[in-house]
Amino acid sequence: MILDISIATIIATTLNIALLIAVIFLIYKFIRIIRNFINKHNELDKKVDAILNKLDNKNNNSI
C-alpha cells in the first residue's frame, strides 16, 4: 500500500513539473510573439513616415 502511494506521488510530481515547464515555455513564446509584433509595427511606422516625408517634400517642391 505504501509503495502505491509513493509511485502515485512520483507520477503526480513528474506531471506537475512537466506542466510547469510547458507553461513557462508557452509564456516565453507568447512574449517573443508580442515583441516581434511590436518591432514589426515600429518598422512599419518608420517606413510610412519616410514615405509621407518624401511625399511632403515633393509637394513642397512642386508648389
PDB file of N, CA and C in Angstrom:
ATOM      1  N   MET A   1       0.817  -1.197   0.000  1.00  0.00           N
ATOM      2  CA  MET A   1       0.000   0.000   0.000  1.00  0.00           C
ATOM      3  C   MET A   1       0.863   1.266   0.000  1.00  0.00           C
ATOM      4  N   ILE A   2       1.916   1.299   0.794  1.00  0.00           N
ATOM      5  CA  ILE A   2       2.792   2.462   0.851  1.00  0.00           C
ATOM      6  C   ILE A   2       3.510   2.647  -0.475  1.00  0.00           C
ATOM      7  N   LEU A   3       3.869   1.572  -1.136  1.00  0.00           N
ATOM      8  CA  LEU A   3       4.550   1.645  -2.424  1.00  0.00           C
ATOM      9  C   LEU A   3       3.642   2.271  -3.479  1.00  0.00           C
ATOM     10  N   ASP A   4       2.347   1.953  -3.457  1.00  0.00           N
ATOM     11  CA  ASP A   4       1.404   2.531  -4.411  1.00  0.00           C
ATOM     12  C   ASP A   4       1.309   4.051  -4.238  1.00  0.00           C
ATOM     13  N   ILE A   5       1.271   4.500  -3.021  1.00  0.00           N
ATOM     14  CA  ILE A   5       1.185   5.936  -2.769  1.00  0.00           C
ATOM     15  C   ILE A   5       2.468   6.622  -3.239  1.00  0.00           C
ATOM     16  N   SER A   6       3.595   6.020  -3.024  1.00  0.00           N
ATOM     17  CA  SER A   6       4.861   6.613  -3.434  1.00  0.00           C
ATOM     18  C   SER A   6       4.955   6.723  -4.954  1.00  0.00           C
ATOM     19  N   ILE A   7       4.530   5.674  -5.656  1.00  0.00           N
ATOM     20  CA  ILE A   7       4.554   5.714  -7.120  1.00  0.00           C
ATOM     21  C   ILE A   7       3.589   6.780  -7.633  1.00  0.00           C
ATOM     22  N   ALA A   8       2.408   6.860  -7.026  1.00  0.00           N
ATOM     23  CA  ALA A   8       1.433   7.872  -7.432  1.00  0.00           C
ATOM     24  C   ALA A   8       1.980   9.274  -7.177  1.00  0.00           C
ATOM     25  N   THR A   9       2.657   9.451  -6.079  1.00  0.00           N
ATOM     26  CA  THR A   9       3.240  10.757  -5.761  1.00  0.00           C
ATOM     27  C   THR A   9       4.326  11.120  -6.764  1.00  0.00           C
ATOM     28  N   ILE A  10       5.156  10.154  -7.112  1.00  0.00           N
ATOM     29  CA  ILE A  10       6.221  10.402  -8.087  1.00  0.00           C
ATOM     30  C   ILE A  10       5.631  10.753  -9.445  1.00  0.00           C
ATOM     31  N   ILE A  11       4.595  10.041  -9.855  1.00  0.00           N
ATOM     32  CA  ILE A  11       3.951  10.316 -11.146  1.00  0.00           C
ATOM     33  C   ILE A  11       3.313  11.704 -11.129  1.00  0.00           C
ATOM     34  N   ALA A  12       2.621  12.040 -10.048  1.00  0.00           N
ATOM     35  CA  ALA A  12       1.974  13.352  -9.955  1.00  0.00           C
ATOM     36  C   ALA A  12       3.013  14.469  -9.963  1.00  0.00           C
ATOM     37  N   THR A  13       4.100  14.278  -9.257  1.00  0.00           N
ATOM     38  CA  THR A  13       5.155  15.286  -9.225  1.00  0.00           C
ATOM     39  C   THR A  13       5.778  15.465 -10.604  1.00  0.00           C
ATOM     40  N   THR A  14       6.015  14.358 -11.288  1.00  0.00           N
ATOM     41  CA  THR A  14       6.581  14.425 -12.634  1.00  0.00           C
ATOM     42  C   THR A  14       5.642  15.167 -13.584  1.00  0.00           C
ATOM     43  N   LEU A  15       4.358  14.869 -13.502  1.00  0.00           N
ATOM     44  CA  LEU A  15       3.385  15.564 -14.354  1.00  0.00           C
ATOM     45  C   LEU A  15       3.336  17.056 -14.027  1.00  0.00           C
ATOM     46  N   ASN A  16       3.379  17.384 -12.755  1.00  0.00           N
ATOM     47  CA  ASN A  16       3.354  18.799 -12.365  1.00  0.00           C
ATOM     48  C   ASN A  16       4.576  19.543 -12.882  1.00  0.00           C
ATOM     49  N   ILE A  17       5.733  18.918 -12.799  1.00  0.00           N
ATOM     50  CA  ILE A  17       6.949  19.554 -13.307  1.00  0.00           C
ATOM     51  C   ILE A  17       6.865  19.726 -14.819  1.00  0.00           C
ATOM     52  N   ALA A  18       6.352  18.705 -15.515  1.00  0.00           N
ATOM     53  CA  ALA A  18       6.216  18.796 -16.971  1.00  0.00           C
ATOM     54  C   ALA A  18       5.244  19.912 -17.352  1.00  0.00           C
ATOM     55  N   LEU A  19       4.135  20.014 -16.628  1.00  0.00           N
ATOM     56  CA  LEU A  19       3.166  21.078 -16.907  1.00  0.00           C
ATOM     57  C   LEU A  19       3.762  22.453 -16.613  1.00  0.00           C
ATOM     58  N   LEU A  20       4.527  22.561 -15.556  1.00  0.00           N
ATOM     59  CA  LEU A  20       5.165  23.831 -15.223  1.00  0.00           C
ATOM     60  C   LEU A  20       6.143  24.250 -16.313  1.00  0.00           C
ATOM     61  N   ILE A  21       6.928  23.310 -16.805  1.00  0.00           N
ATOM     62  CA  ILE A  21       7.864  23.608 -17.890  1.00  0.00           C
ATOM     63  C   ILE A  21       7.104  24.016 -19.149  1.00  0.00           C
ATOM     64  N   ALA A  22       5.994  23.333 -19.444  1.00  0.00           N
ATOM     65  CA  ALA A  22       5.198  23.669 -20.626  1.00  0.00           C
ATOM     66  C   ALA A  22       4.612  25.074 -20.504  1.00  0.00           C
ATOM     67  N   VAL A  23       4.121  25.434 -19.335  1.00  0.00           N
ATOM     68  CA  VAL A  23       3.545  26.770 -19.134  1.00  0.00           C
ATOM     69  C   VAL A  23       4.624  27.842 -19.276  1.00  0.00           C
ATOM     70  N   ILE A  24       5.789  27.609 -18.708  1.00  0.00           N
ATOM     71  CA  ILE A  24       6.887  28.574 -18.830  1.00  0.00           C
ATOM     72  C   ILE A  24       7.286  28.730 -20.291  1.00  0.00           C
ATOM     73  N   PHE A  25       7.349  27.626 -21.027  1.00  0.00           N
ATOM     74  CA  PHE A  25       7.695  27.671 -22.446  1.00  0.00           C
ATOM     75  C   PHE A  25       6.653  28.461 -23.233  1.00  0.00           C
ATOM     76  N   LEU A  26       5.372  28.239 -22.947  1.00  0.00           N
ATOM     77  CA  LEU A  26       4.312  28.964 -23.653  1.00  0.00           C
ATOM     78  C   LEU A  26       4.356  30.459 -23.345  1.00  0.00           C
ATOM     79  N   ILE A  27       4.623  30.815 -22.105  1.00  0.00           N
ATOM     80  CA  ILE A  27       4.734  32.233 -21.755  1.00  0.00           C
ATOM     81  C   ILE A  27       5.910  32.864 -22.492  1.00  0.00           C
ATOM     82  N   TYR A  28       7.026  32.155 -22.570  1.00  0.00           N
ATOM     83  CA  TYR A  28       8.205  32.644 -23.293  1.00  0.00           C
ATOM     84  C   TYR A  28       7.875  32.864 -24.766  1.00  0.00           C
ATOM     85  N   LYS A  29       7.192  31.892 -25.389  1.00  0.00           N
ATOM     86  CA  LYS A  29       6.818  32.018 -26.800  1.00  0.00           C
ATOM     87  C   LYS A  29       5.870  33.199 -27.001  1.00  0.00           C
ATOM     88  N   PHE A  30       4.905  33.370 -26.096  1.00  0.00           N
ATOM     89  CA  PHE A  30       3.949  34.464 -26.197  1.00  0.00           C
ATOM     90  C   PHE A  30       4.664  35.811 -26.118  1.00  0.00           C
ATOM     91  N   ILE A  31       5.619  35.935 -25.209  1.00  0.00           N
ATOM     92  CA  ILE A  31       6.374  37.185 -25.081  1.00  0.00           C
ATOM     93  C   ILE A  31       7.164  37.458 -26.350  1.00  0.00           C
ATOM     94  N   ARG A  32       7.768  36.424 -26.942  1.00  0.00           N
ATOM     95  CA  ARG A  32       8.516  36.610 -28.188  1.00  0.00           C
ATOM     96  C   ARG A  32       7.597  37.048 -29.323  1.00  0.00           C
ATOM     97  N   ILE A  33       6.400  36.459 -29.411  1.00  0.00           N
ATOM     98  CA  ILE A  33       5.453  36.833 -30.465  1.00  0.00           C
ATOM     99  C   ILE A  33       5.040  38.294 -30.302  1.00  0.00           C
ATOM    100  N   ILE A  34       4.745  38.710 -29.082  1.00  0.00           N
ATOM    101  CA  ILE A  34       4.354  40.099 -28.825  1.00  0.00           C
ATOM    102  C   ILE A  34       5.506  41.043 -29.165  1.00  0.00           C
ATOM    103  N   ARG A  35       6.734  40.682 -28.784  1.00  0.00           N
ATOM    104  CA  ARG A  35       7.897  41.523 -29.074  1.00  0.00           C
ATOM    105  C   ARG A  35       8.100  41.653 -30.582  1.00  0.00           C
ATOM    106  N   ASN A  36       7.969  40.548 -31.317  1.00  0.00           N
ATOM    107  CA  ASN A  36       8.120  40.602 -32.774  1.00  0.00           C
ATOM    108  C   ASN A  36       7.040  41.471 -33.404  1.00  0.00           C
ATOM    109  N   PHE A  37       5.804  41.378 -32.897  1.00  0.00           N
ATOM    110  CA  PHE A  37       4.717  42.190 -33.418  1.00  0.00           C
ATOM    111  C   PHE A  37       5.005  43.673 -33.199  1.00  0.00           C
ATOM    112  N   ILE A  38       5.482  44.018 -32.013  1.00  0.00           N
ATOM    113  CA  ILE A  38       5.784  45.419 -31.714  1.00  0.00           C
ATOM    114  C   ILE A  38       6.915  45.920 -32.608  1.00  0.00           C
ATOM    115  N   ASN A  39       7.952  45.098 -32.801  1.00  0.00           N
ATOM    116  CA  ASN A  39       9.068  45.504 -33.660  1.00  0.00           C
ATOM    117  C   ASN A  39       8.614  45.710 -35.102  1.00  0.00           C
ATOM    118  N   LYS A  40       7.780  44.804 -35.618  1.00  0.00           N
ATOM    119  CA  LYS A  40       7.276  44.955 -36.987  1.00  0.00           C
ATOM    120  C   LYS A  40       6.418  46.204 -37.104  1.00  0.00           C
ATOM    121  N   HIS A  41       5.630  46.478 -36.080  1.00  0.00           N
ATOM    122  CA  HIS A  41       4.782  47.667 -36.090  1.00  0.00           C
ATOM    123  C   HIS A  41       5.638  48.934 -36.112  1.00  0.00           C
ATOM    124  N   ASN A  42       6.698  48.948 -35.325  1.00  0.00           N
ATOM    125  CA  ASN A  42       7.590  50.117 -35.307  1.00  0.00           C
ATOM    126  C   ASN A  42       8.293  50.292 -36.645  1.00  0.00           C
ATOM    127  N   GLU A  43       8.729  49.202 -37.263  1.00  0.00           N
ATOM    128  CA  GLU A  43       9.368  49.287 -38.578  1.00  0.00           C
ATOM    129  C   GLU A  43       8.391  49.806 -39.623  1.00  0.00           C
ATOM    130  N   LEU A  44       7.150  49.349 -39.554  1.00  0.00           N
ATOM    131  CA  LEU A  44       6.134  49.812 -40.496  1.00  0.00           C
ATOM    132  C   LEU A  44       5.872  51.304 -40.305  1.00  0.00           C
ATOM    133  N   ASP A  45       5.823  51.752 -39.056  1.00  0.00           N
ATOM    134  CA  ASP A  45       5.641  53.181 -38.788  1.00  0.00           C
ATOM    135  C   ASP A  45       6.778  54.005 -39.384  1.00  0.00           C
ATOM    136  N   LYS A  46       8.011  53.513 -39.245  1.00  0.00           N
ATOM    137  CA  LYS A  46       9.158  54.231 -39.805  1.00  0.00           C
ATOM    138  C   LYS A  46       9.061  54.310 -41.323  1.00  0.00           C
ATOM    139  N   LYS A  47       8.646  53.219 -41.965  1.00  0.00           N
ATOM    140  CA  LYS A  47       8.522  53.212 -43.424  1.00  0.00           C
ATOM    141  C   LYS A  47       7.423  54.166 -43.878  1.00  0.00           C
ATOM    142  N   VAL A  48       6.306  54.162 -43.172  1.00  0.00           N
ATOM    143  CA  VAL A  48       5.206  55.064 -43.528  1.00  0.00           C
ATOM    144  C   VAL A  48       5.641  56.514 -43.338  1.00  0.00           C
ATOM    145  N   ASP A  49       6.347  56.804 -42.254  1.00  0.00           N
ATOM    146  CA  ASP A  49       6.841  58.166 -42.035  1.00  0.00           C
ATOM    147  C   ASP A  49       7.802  58.590 -43.140  1.00  0.00           C
ATOM    148  N   ALA A  50       8.664  57.684 -43.572  1.00  0.00           N
ATOM    149  CA  ALA A  50       9.605  58.009 -44.648  1.00  0.00           C
ATOM    150  C   ALA A  50       8.856  58.297 -45.944  1.00  0.00           C
ATOM    151  N   ILE A  51       7.850  57.510 -46.246  1.00  0.00           N
ATOM    152  CA  ILE A  51       7.058  57.722 -47.465  1.00  0.00           C
ATOM    153  C   ILE A  51       6.318  59.052 -47.382  1.00  0.00           C
ATOM    154  N   LEU A  52       5.721  59.333 -46.227  1.00  0.00           N
ATOM    155  CA  LEU A  52       4.999  60.598 -46.069  1.00  0.00           C
ATOM    156  C   LEU A  52       5.943  61.795 -46.173  1.00  0.00           C
ATOM    157  N   ASN A  53       7.133  61.670 -45.633  1.00  0.00           N
ATOM    158  CA  ASN A  53       8.112  62.761 -45.747  1.00  0.00           C
ATOM    159  C   ASN A  53       8.508  62.984 -47.200  1.00  0.00           C
ATOM    160  N   LYS A  54       8.693  61.912 -47.956  1.00  0.00           N
ATOM    161  CA  LYS A  54       9.028  62.055 -49.374  1.00  0.00           C
ATOM    162  C   LYS A  54       7.887  62.727 -50.127  1.00  0.00           C
ATOM    163  N   LEU A  55       6.664  62.340 -49.820  1.00  0.00           N
ATOM    164  CA  LEU A  55       5.514  62.956 -50.484  1.00  0.00           C
ATOM    165  C   LEU A  55       5.404  64.433 -50.112  1.00  0.00           C
ATOM    166  N   ASP A  56       5.636  64.756 -48.850  1.00  0.00           N
ATOM    167  CA  ASP A  56       5.598  66.161 -48.433  1.00  0.00           C
ATOM    168  C   ASP A  56       6.682  66.964 -49.136  1.00  0.00           C
ATOM    169  N   ASN A  57       7.858  66.393 -49.278  1.00  0.00           N
ATOM    170  CA  ASN A  57       8.942  67.095 -49.968  1.00  0.00           C
ATOM    171  C   ASN A  57       8.598  67.322 -51.433  1.00  0.00           C
ATOM    172  N   LYS A  58       7.984  66.346 -52.079  1.00  0.00           N
ATOM    173  CA  LYS A  58       7.594  66.512 -53.483  1.00  0.00           C
ATOM    174  C   LYS A  58       6.520  67.581 -53.612  1.00  0.00           C
ATOM    175  N   ASN A  59       5.563  67.577 -52.674  1.00  0.00           N
ATOM    176  CA  ASN A  59       4.505  68.584 -52.713  1.00  0.00           C
ATOM    177  C   ASN A  59       5.066  69.980 -52.449  1.00  0.00           C
ATOM    178  N   ASN A  60       5.996  70.100 -51.542  1.00  0.00           N
ATOM    179  CA  ASN A  60       6.590  71.408 -51.242  1.00  0.00           C
ATOM    180  C   ASN A  60       7.444  71.901 -52.404  1.00  0.00           C
ATOM    181  N   ASN A  61       8.124  71.007 -53.093  1.00  0.00           N
ATOM    182  CA  ASN A  61       8.957  71.400 -54.227  1.00  0.00           C
ATOM    183  C   ASN A  61       8.113  71.792 -55.433  1.00  0.00           C
ATOM    184  N   SER A  62       6.958  71.181 -55.590  1.00  0.00           N
ATOM    185  CA  SER A  62       6.127  71.483 -56.752  1.00  0.00           C
ATOM    186  C   SER A  62       5.338  72.771 -56.565  1.00  0.00           C
ATOM    187  N   ILE A  63       5.196  73.235 -55.353  1.00  0.00           N
ATOM    188  CA  ILE A  63       4.423  74.458 -55.093  1.00  0.00           C
ATOM    189  C   ILE A  63       5.250  75.634 -55.329  1.00  0.00           C
TER     190      ILE A  63
END
